[in-house]
Protein backbone atom coordinates (compact mmCIF):
# COMPACT_ATOMS: atom_id res chain seq x y z
CA UNK A 1 -9.27 75.84 -1.48
CA UNK A 2 -9.45 79.26 -2.88
CA UNK A 3 -11.98 80.72 -5.73
CA UNK A 4 -11.83 84.42 -7.08
CA UNK A 5 -15.02 85.32 -9.05
CA UNK A 6 -14.73 88.43 -11.27
CA UNK A 7 -18.41 89.29 -12.08
CA UNK A 8 -20.59 92.00 -12.78
CA UNK A 9 -23.14 93.10 -9.99
CA UNK A 10 -25.99 91.82 -12.26
CA UNK A 11 -24.49 88.46 -11.95
CA UNK A 12 -24.72 88.29 -8.03
CA UNK A 13 -27.92 86.04 -7.73
CA UNK A 14 -29.25 83.24 -5.87
CA UNK A 15 -27.89 80.83 -8.38
CA UNK A 16 -24.22 81.98 -7.67
CA UNK A 17 -24.61 81.73 -4.02
CA UNK A 18 -26.11 78.01 -4.35
CA UNK A 19 -22.96 77.02 -6.41
CA UNK A 20 -20.45 78.74 -3.88
CA UNK A 21 -22.31 76.71 -1.23
CA UNK A 22 -21.98 73.46 -3.36
CA UNK A 23 -18.13 74.15 -3.93
CA UNK A 24 -17.32 74.72 -0.32
CA UNK A 25 -19.77 72.44 1.25
CA UNK A 26 -18.97 71.43 4.92
CA UNK A 27 -16.16 74.20 5.01
CA UNK A 28 -16.12 77.79 6.37
CA UNK A 29 -15.70 80.49 3.94
CA UNK A 30 -14.92 84.19 3.98
CA UNK A 31 -16.60 86.45 1.27
CA UNK A 32 -14.86 89.58 0.65
CA UNK A 33 -16.52 92.03 -2.19
CA UNK A 34 -14.38 94.72 -3.81
CA UNK A 35 -14.20 96.73 -6.87
CA UNK A 36 -11.08 96.75 -9.11
CA UNK A 37 -9.32 100.01 -9.83
CA UNK A 38 -9.01 100.66 -13.61
CA UNK A 39 -5.55 100.90 -15.09
CA UNK A 40 -5.60 104.64 -15.03
CA UNK A 41 -6.80 104.97 -11.46
CA UNK A 42 -4.10 102.53 -10.59
CA UNK A 43 -1.19 104.20 -12.45
CA UNK A 44 -2.32 107.70 -10.92
CA UNK A 45 -3.01 106.79 -7.55
CA UNK A 46 0.71 107.50 -6.44
CA UNK A 47 1.01 111.31 -6.80
CA UNK A 48 4.78 110.78 -7.82
CA UNK A 49 3.97 108.39 -10.49
CA UNK A 50 0.99 110.65 -11.62
CA UNK A 51 3.43 113.61 -11.92
CA UNK A 52 5.93 111.47 -13.98
CA UNK A 53 3.13 110.08 -16.32
CA UNK A 54 1.81 113.72 -16.89
CA UNK A 55 5.20 115.20 -17.63
CA UNK A 56 5.67 112.20 -20.13
CA UNK A 57 2.60 112.87 -21.85
CA UNK A 58 3.45 116.59 -22.21
CA UNK A 59 6.74 115.89 -23.79
CA UNK A 60 5.56 113.35 -26.33
CA UNK A 61 5.64 114.88 -29.78
CA UNK A 62 2.36 115.29 -31.67
CA UNK A 63 1.52 114.47 -35.12
CA UNK A 64 -1.63 115.87 -37.10
CA UNK A 65 -3.10 114.60 -40.08
CA UNK A 66 -6.14 115.60 -42.32
CA UNK A 67 -8.35 112.50 -43.48
CA UNK A 68 -6.54 112.17 -46.72
CA UNK A 69 -3.09 112.16 -45.18
CA UNK A 70 -4.16 109.64 -42.61
CA UNK A 71 -5.50 107.24 -45.20
CA UNK A 72 -2.34 107.49 -47.23
CA UNK A 73 -0.38 106.83 -44.18
CA UNK A 74 -2.48 103.88 -43.32
CA UNK A 75 -1.91 102.48 -46.90
CA UNK A 76 1.77 102.91 -46.49
CA UNK A 77 1.76 100.97 -43.31
CA UNK A 78 -0.17 98.20 -44.48
CA UNK A 79 2.22 97.70 -47.44
CA UNK A 80 5.01 96.99 -44.95
């Protein structure tokens, strides 16, 4: 049997350990604690991938709006 718990550090308490003991009663267990990489960290961990992503960001066209233009654009999109 395998169980994966994704929790916040504040949730690591005695109650959780009692629940784990109950789930795996009579069995040997291995507990591994690790942190998850956020999506940005994961995507930029590989240097080649990071370079590719940054090049694509730079090549994206930019659009600027003032507040009134933005509201008008949103209204037009909502009509569709």
